[in-house]
């Protein structure tokens, strides 16, 4: 399994229409993953859908603790959004001409 990262220029839409400028003088941007251990379900075609969804200790992500954020974590997430998020494409009706992506209709917490 591998992890890939990318950096893309979203000056024209993810920065409040260009109001928030990217400081390209800080380039090149580098990401490092230290002690990364992928604990995931290996994809082996269609049977993996069922195998990876089974509630078992091996499938740690199916544990109830990962199904929803606690009230405290929800509060922390709201604080981060309120204080640091400058663009939410789920509120950008003009960009999508009213046809919002399906993930925009999912509960946020």
N, C-alpha and C. Protein backbone atom coordinates (compact mmCIF):
# COMPACT_ATOMS: atom_id res chain seq x y z
N UNK A 1 0.84 -1.17 0.00
CA UNK A 1 0.00 0.00 0.00
C UNK A 1 0.89 1.23 0.00
N UNK A 2 0.46 2.26 -0.68
CA UNK A 2 1.22 3.50 -0.76
C UNK A 2 0.31 4.68 -0.42
N UNK A 3 0.94 5.75 -0.02
CA UNK A 3 0.22 6.99 0.24
C UNK A 3 0.76 8.03 -0.73
N UNK A 4 -0.13 8.71 -1.41
CA UNK A 4 0.25 9.77 -2.33
C UNK A 4 -0.36 11.08 -1.86
N UNK A 5 0.36 12.14 -2.08
CA UNK A 5 -0.15 13.47 -1.77
C UNK A 5 0.03 14.34 -2.99
N UNK A 6 -0.78 15.34 -3.08
CA UNK A 6 -0.61 16.28 -4.18
C UNK A 6 -0.94 17.68 -3.69
N UNK A 7 -0.42 18.62 -4.39
CA UNK A 7 -0.70 20.02 -4.12
C UNK A 7 -1.20 20.62 -5.42
N UNK A 8 -2.31 21.30 -5.37
CA UNK A 8 -2.84 21.90 -6.58
C UNK A 8 -3.19 23.35 -6.32
N UNK A 9 -3.15 24.10 -7.37
CA UNK A 9 -3.42 25.53 -7.28
C UNK A 9 -4.93 25.76 -7.38
N UNK A 10 -5.51 26.22 -6.29
CA UNK A 10 -6.95 26.49 -6.27
C UNK A 10 -7.20 27.97 -6.01
N UNK A 11 -6.26 28.81 -6.46
CA UNK A 11 -6.39 30.25 -6.24
C UNK A 11 -7.73 30.81 -6.65
N UNK A 12 -8.28 30.29 -7.72
CA UNK A 12 -9.48 30.91 -8.27
C UNK A 12 -10.78 30.46 -7.62
N UNK A 13 -10.77 29.39 -6.79
CA UNK A 13 -12.04 28.98 -6.19
C UNK A 13 -11.94 28.61 -4.71
N UNK A 14 -10.84 28.08 -4.24
CA UNK A 14 -10.78 27.65 -2.84
C UNK A 14 -10.24 28.72 -1.92
N UNK A 15 -10.09 29.90 -2.41
CA UNK A 15 -9.50 30.98 -1.62
C UNK A 15 -10.40 32.20 -1.59
N UNK A 16 -11.68 31.95 -1.46
CA UNK A 16 -12.69 33.03 -1.46
C UNK A 16 -12.52 33.91 -2.70
N UNK A 17 -12.47 33.25 -3.85
CA UNK A 17 -12.37 33.99 -5.11
C UNK A 17 -11.04 34.68 -5.29
N UNK A 18 -9.99 34.17 -4.68
CA UNK A 18 -8.66 34.76 -4.82
C UNK A 18 -8.31 35.76 -3.74
N UNK A 19 -9.21 35.97 -2.77
CA UNK A 19 -8.93 36.93 -1.70
C UNK A 19 -7.82 36.44 -0.77
N UNK A 20 -7.76 35.12 -0.58
CA UNK A 20 -6.70 34.53 0.25
C UNK A 20 -5.61 34.06 -0.69
N UNK A 21 -4.48 34.71 -0.69
CA UNK A 21 -3.40 34.38 -1.62
C UNK A 21 -2.50 33.29 -1.06
N UNK A 22 -2.05 32.42 -1.96
CA UNK A 22 -1.07 31.40 -1.60
C UNK A 22 0.30 32.03 -1.69
N UNK A 23 1.12 31.80 -0.69
CA UNK A 23 2.47 32.34 -0.69
C UNK A 23 3.39 31.33 -1.39
N UNK A 24 3.51 31.48 -2.70
CA UNK A 24 4.33 30.56 -3.48
C UNK A 24 5.82 30.75 -3.20
N UNK A 25 6.20 31.81 -2.50
CA UNK A 25 7.60 32.00 -2.13
C UNK A 25 8.06 30.92 -1.15
N UNK A 26 7.11 30.27 -0.50
CA UNK A 26 7.46 29.20 0.44
C UNK A 26 7.66 27.85 -0.25
N UNK A 27 7.46 27.80 -1.55
CA UNK A 27 7.63 26.55 -2.30
C UNK A 27 9.12 26.18 -2.35
N UNK A 28 9.48 24.94 -2.52
CA UNK A 28 8.58 23.81 -2.71
C UNK A 28 7.97 23.36 -1.39
N UNK A 29 6.74 22.91 -1.47
CA UNK A 29 6.04 22.42 -0.29
C UNK A 29 6.35 20.93 -0.15
N UNK A 30 6.65 20.51 1.03
CA UNK A 30 7.07 19.13 1.26
C UNK A 30 6.20 18.52 2.35
N UNK A 31 5.76 17.29 2.12
CA UNK A 31 5.02 16.54 3.13
C UNK A 31 5.82 15.28 3.45
N UNK A 32 5.91 14.97 4.70
CA UNK A 32 6.60 13.76 5.12
C UNK A 32 5.67 12.95 6.02
N UNK A 33 5.77 11.65 5.91
CA UNK A 33 4.98 10.75 6.73
C UNK A 33 5.95 9.94 7.58
N UNK A 34 5.97 10.20 8.85
CA UNK A 34 6.86 9.50 9.76
C UNK A 34 6.09 8.43 10.52
N UNK A 35 6.64 7.25 10.58
CA UNK A 35 6.01 6.14 11.30
C UNK A 35 4.58 5.86 10.84
N UNK A 36 4.34 6.06 9.56
CA UNK A 36 3.01 5.81 9.01
C UNK A 36 2.78 4.31 8.90
N UNK A 37 1.67 3.85 9.39
CA UNK A 37 1.31 2.44 9.30
C UNK A 37 -0.13 2.36 8.81
N UNK A 38 -0.29 1.94 7.59
CA UNK A 38 -1.63 1.84 7.02
C UNK A 38 -2.33 0.64 7.63
N UNK A 39 -3.41 0.88 8.33
CA UNK A 39 -4.22 -0.19 8.88
C UNK A 39 -5.55 -0.13 8.16
N UNK A 40 -5.63 -0.85 7.07
CA UNK A 40 -6.79 -0.73 6.20
C UNK A 40 -7.17 -2.10 5.67
N UNK A 41 -8.22 -2.12 4.91
CA UNK A 41 -8.70 -3.36 4.31
C UNK A 41 -8.19 -3.41 2.87
N UNK A 42 -7.45 -4.45 2.56
CA UNK A 42 -6.88 -4.57 1.22
C UNK A 42 -7.98 -4.85 0.21
N UNK A 43 -7.92 -4.15 -0.90
CA UNK A 43 -8.91 -4.30 -1.95
C UNK A 43 -8.54 -5.48 -2.83
N UNK A 44 -9.43 -6.47 -2.89
CA UNK A 44 -9.26 -7.63 -3.76
C UNK A 44 -10.50 -7.82 -4.63
N UNK A 45 -11.00 -6.73 -5.14
CA UNK A 45 -12.19 -6.80 -5.99
C UNK A 45 -13.48 -6.77 -5.20
N UNK A 46 -14.56 -7.11 -5.87
CA UNK A 46 -15.93 -7.01 -5.32
C UNK A 46 -16.12 -7.69 -3.96
N UNK A 47 -15.55 -8.88 -3.70
CA UNK A 47 -15.74 -9.51 -2.38
C UNK A 47 -15.21 -8.66 -1.21
N UNK A 48 -14.30 -7.75 -1.50
CA UNK A 48 -13.74 -6.90 -0.44
C UNK A 48 -14.78 -6.00 0.19
N UNK A 49 -15.82 -5.65 -0.56
CA UNK A 49 -16.85 -4.76 -0.03
C UNK A 49 -17.48 -5.38 1.22
N UNK A 50 -17.87 -6.64 1.13
CA UNK A 50 -18.46 -7.33 2.27
C UNK A 50 -17.41 -7.61 3.34
N UNK A 51 -16.26 -8.14 2.93
CA UNK A 51 -15.21 -8.50 3.87
C UNK A 51 -14.76 -7.30 4.71
N UNK A 52 -14.65 -6.15 4.09
CA UNK A 52 -14.16 -4.95 4.78
C UNK A 52 -15.22 -4.30 5.65
N UNK A 53 -16.49 -4.68 5.47
CA UNK A 53 -17.58 -4.09 6.25
C UNK A 53 -17.96 -4.93 7.45
N UNK A 54 -17.43 -6.14 7.55
CA UNK A 54 -17.77 -7.02 8.67
C UNK A 54 -17.26 -6.43 9.97
N UNK A 55 -18.13 -6.44 10.98
CA UNK A 55 -17.76 -5.93 12.30
C UNK A 55 -16.88 -6.97 12.99
N UNK A 56 -15.56 -6.69 13.02
CA UNK A 56 -14.62 -7.61 13.65
C UNK A 56 -13.44 -6.82 14.19
N UNK A 57 -12.67 -7.39 15.12
CA UNK A 57 -11.50 -6.69 15.65
C UNK A 57 -10.49 -6.31 14.56
N UNK A 58 -10.39 -7.15 13.52
CA UNK A 58 -9.46 -6.84 12.42
C UNK A 58 -9.91 -5.60 11.66
N UNK A 59 -11.21 -5.40 11.57
CA UNK A 59 -11.76 -4.22 10.90
C UNK A 59 -12.06 -3.15 11.95
N UNK A 60 -11.03 -2.59 12.51
CA UNK A 60 -11.16 -1.65 13.62
C UNK A 60 -12.09 -0.49 13.28
N UNK A 61 -12.16 -0.10 12.02
CA UNK A 61 -12.97 1.05 11.61
C UNK A 61 -14.46 0.79 11.73
N UNK A 62 -14.87 -0.46 11.94
CA UNK A 62 -16.30 -0.75 12.10
C UNK A 62 -16.76 -0.63 13.55
N UNK A 63 -15.82 -0.38 14.45
CA UNK A 63 -16.15 -0.22 15.86
C UNK A 63 -17.04 1.01 16.06
N UNK A 64 -18.01 0.94 16.99
CA UNK A 64 -18.90 2.09 17.23
C UNK A 64 -18.16 3.39 17.54
N UNK A 65 -16.99 3.30 18.14
CA UNK A 65 -16.26 4.51 18.50
C UNK A 65 -15.88 5.34 17.26
N UNK A 66 -15.83 4.72 16.09
CA UNK A 66 -15.45 5.43 14.86
C UNK A 66 -16.65 5.83 14.01
N UNK A 67 -17.84 5.49 14.45
CA UNK A 67 -19.03 5.80 13.65
C UNK A 67 -19.49 7.24 13.78
N UNK A 68 -19.17 7.88 14.90
CA UNK A 68 -19.61 9.25 15.12
C UNK A 68 -18.67 9.94 16.10
N UNK A 69 -18.47 11.22 15.90
CA UNK A 69 -17.66 12.00 16.83
C UNK A 69 -18.40 12.18 18.15
N UNK A 70 -17.66 12.19 19.24
CA UNK A 70 -18.27 12.49 20.55
C UNK A 70 -18.72 13.94 20.55
N UNK A 71 -19.51 14.31 21.53
CA UNK A 71 -19.96 15.71 21.64
C UNK A 71 -18.76 16.65 21.76
N UNK A 72 -17.76 16.24 22.54
CA UNK A 72 -16.56 17.08 22.70
C UNK A 72 -15.83 17.25 21.38
N UNK A 73 -15.70 16.15 20.63
CA UNK A 73 -15.01 16.20 19.33
C UNK A 73 -15.81 17.02 18.33
N UNK A 74 -17.13 16.93 18.40
CA UNK A 74 -17.97 17.75 17.52
C UNK A 74 -17.74 19.23 17.80
N UNK A 75 -17.63 19.58 19.09
CA UNK A 75 -17.36 20.96 19.46
C UNK A 75 -16.01 21.42 18.96
N UNK A 76 -15.01 20.55 19.07
CA UNK A 76 -13.68 20.89 18.56
C UNK A 76 -13.70 21.09 17.05
N UNK A 77 -14.42 20.21 16.35
CA UNK A 77 -14.52 20.32 14.89
C UNK A 77 -15.21 21.63 14.50
N UNK A 78 -16.25 21.99 15.21
CA UNK A 78 -16.95 23.25 14.93
C UNK A 78 -16.01 24.44 15.15
N UNK A 79 -15.22 24.39 16.22
CA UNK A 79 -14.29 25.48 16.50
C UNK A 79 -13.27 25.62 15.37
N UNK A 80 -12.73 24.51 14.91
CA UNK A 80 -11.75 24.55 13.82
C UNK A 80 -12.39 25.12 12.56
N UNK A 81 -13.60 24.66 12.24
CA UNK A 81 -14.28 25.19 11.05
C UNK A 81 -14.54 26.69 11.18
N UNK A 82 -15.06 27.09 12.34
CA UNK A 82 -15.40 28.50 12.54
C UNK A 82 -14.16 29.41 12.52
N UNK A 83 -13.03 28.91 12.97
CA UNK A 83 -11.85 29.75 13.12
C UNK A 83 -10.79 29.59 12.03
N UNK A 84 -10.88 28.51 11.24
CA UNK A 84 -9.82 28.27 10.27
C UNK A 84 -10.28 27.99 8.84
N UNK A 85 -11.50 27.52 8.65
CA UNK A 85 -11.95 27.19 7.30
C UNK A 85 -12.31 28.47 6.55
N UNK A 86 -11.67 28.65 5.40
CA UNK A 86 -11.96 29.85 4.62
C UNK A 86 -12.84 29.56 3.42
N UNK A 87 -13.02 28.29 3.08
CA UNK A 87 -13.85 27.95 1.93
C UNK A 87 -14.54 26.62 2.17
N UNK A 88 -15.82 26.56 1.89
CA UNK A 88 -16.60 25.33 2.00
C UNK A 88 -17.33 25.14 0.69
N UNK A 89 -16.87 24.19 -0.12
CA UNK A 89 -17.49 24.04 -1.43
C UNK A 89 -18.94 23.60 -1.33
N UNK A 90 -19.36 23.09 -0.19
CA UNK A 90 -20.77 22.73 -0.04
C UNK A 90 -21.67 23.95 0.14
N UNK A 91 -21.08 25.12 0.25
CA UNK A 91 -21.86 26.36 0.32
C UNK A 91 -21.65 27.22 -0.93
N UNK A 92 -20.93 26.67 -1.88
CA UNK A 92 -20.61 27.41 -3.11
C UNK A 92 -21.63 27.05 -4.20
N UNK A 93 -22.85 27.55 -4.03
CA UNK A 93 -23.94 27.22 -4.95
C UNK A 93 -23.65 27.72 -6.36
N UNK A 94 -22.96 28.84 -6.47
CA UNK A 94 -22.65 29.40 -7.78
C UNK A 94 -21.72 28.47 -8.56
N UNK A 95 -20.73 27.92 -7.88
CA UNK A 95 -19.77 27.03 -8.55
C UNK A 95 -20.45 25.81 -9.15
N UNK A 96 -21.41 25.25 -8.42
CA UNK A 96 -22.06 24.02 -8.87
C UNK A 96 -23.42 24.29 -9.53
N UNK A 97 -23.74 25.54 -9.73
CA UNK A 97 -25.00 25.92 -10.37
C UNK A 97 -26.19 25.24 -9.69
N UNK A 98 -26.12 25.13 -8.36
CA UNK A 98 -27.21 24.56 -7.60
C UNK A 98 -27.21 23.03 -7.55
N UNK A 99 -26.38 22.37 -8.35
CA UNK A 99 -26.31 20.90 -8.36
C UNK A 99 -25.16 20.46 -7.46
N UNK A 100 -25.41 20.48 -6.18
CA UNK A 100 -24.36 20.22 -5.20
C UNK A 100 -23.95 18.75 -5.21
N UNK A 101 -22.67 18.47 -4.91
CA UNK A 101 -22.20 17.08 -4.83
C UNK A 101 -22.93 16.33 -3.72
N UNK A 102 -23.10 15.01 -3.87
CA UNK A 102 -23.87 14.23 -2.90
C UNK A 102 -23.33 14.31 -1.48
N UNK A 103 -22.01 14.43 -1.32
CA UNK A 103 -21.45 14.47 0.04
C UNK A 103 -21.89 15.71 0.81
N UNK A 104 -22.35 16.72 0.10
CA UNK A 104 -22.79 17.95 0.76
C UNK A 104 -24.11 17.75 1.53
N UNK A 105 -24.80 16.65 1.25
CA UNK A 105 -26.07 16.39 1.92
C UNK A 105 -25.93 15.43 3.09
N UNK A 106 -24.72 14.99 3.36
CA UNK A 106 -24.48 14.07 4.48
C UNK A 106 -24.32 14.88 5.77
N UNK A 107 -24.71 14.31 6.90
CA UNK A 107 -24.51 15.00 8.17
C UNK A 107 -23.02 15.28 8.39
N UNK A 108 -22.71 16.40 8.95
CA UNK A 108 -21.32 16.79 9.14
C UNK A 108 -20.70 16.19 10.40
N UNK A 109 -21.53 15.67 11.30
CA UNK A 109 -20.98 15.11 12.53
C UNK A 109 -21.53 13.73 12.77
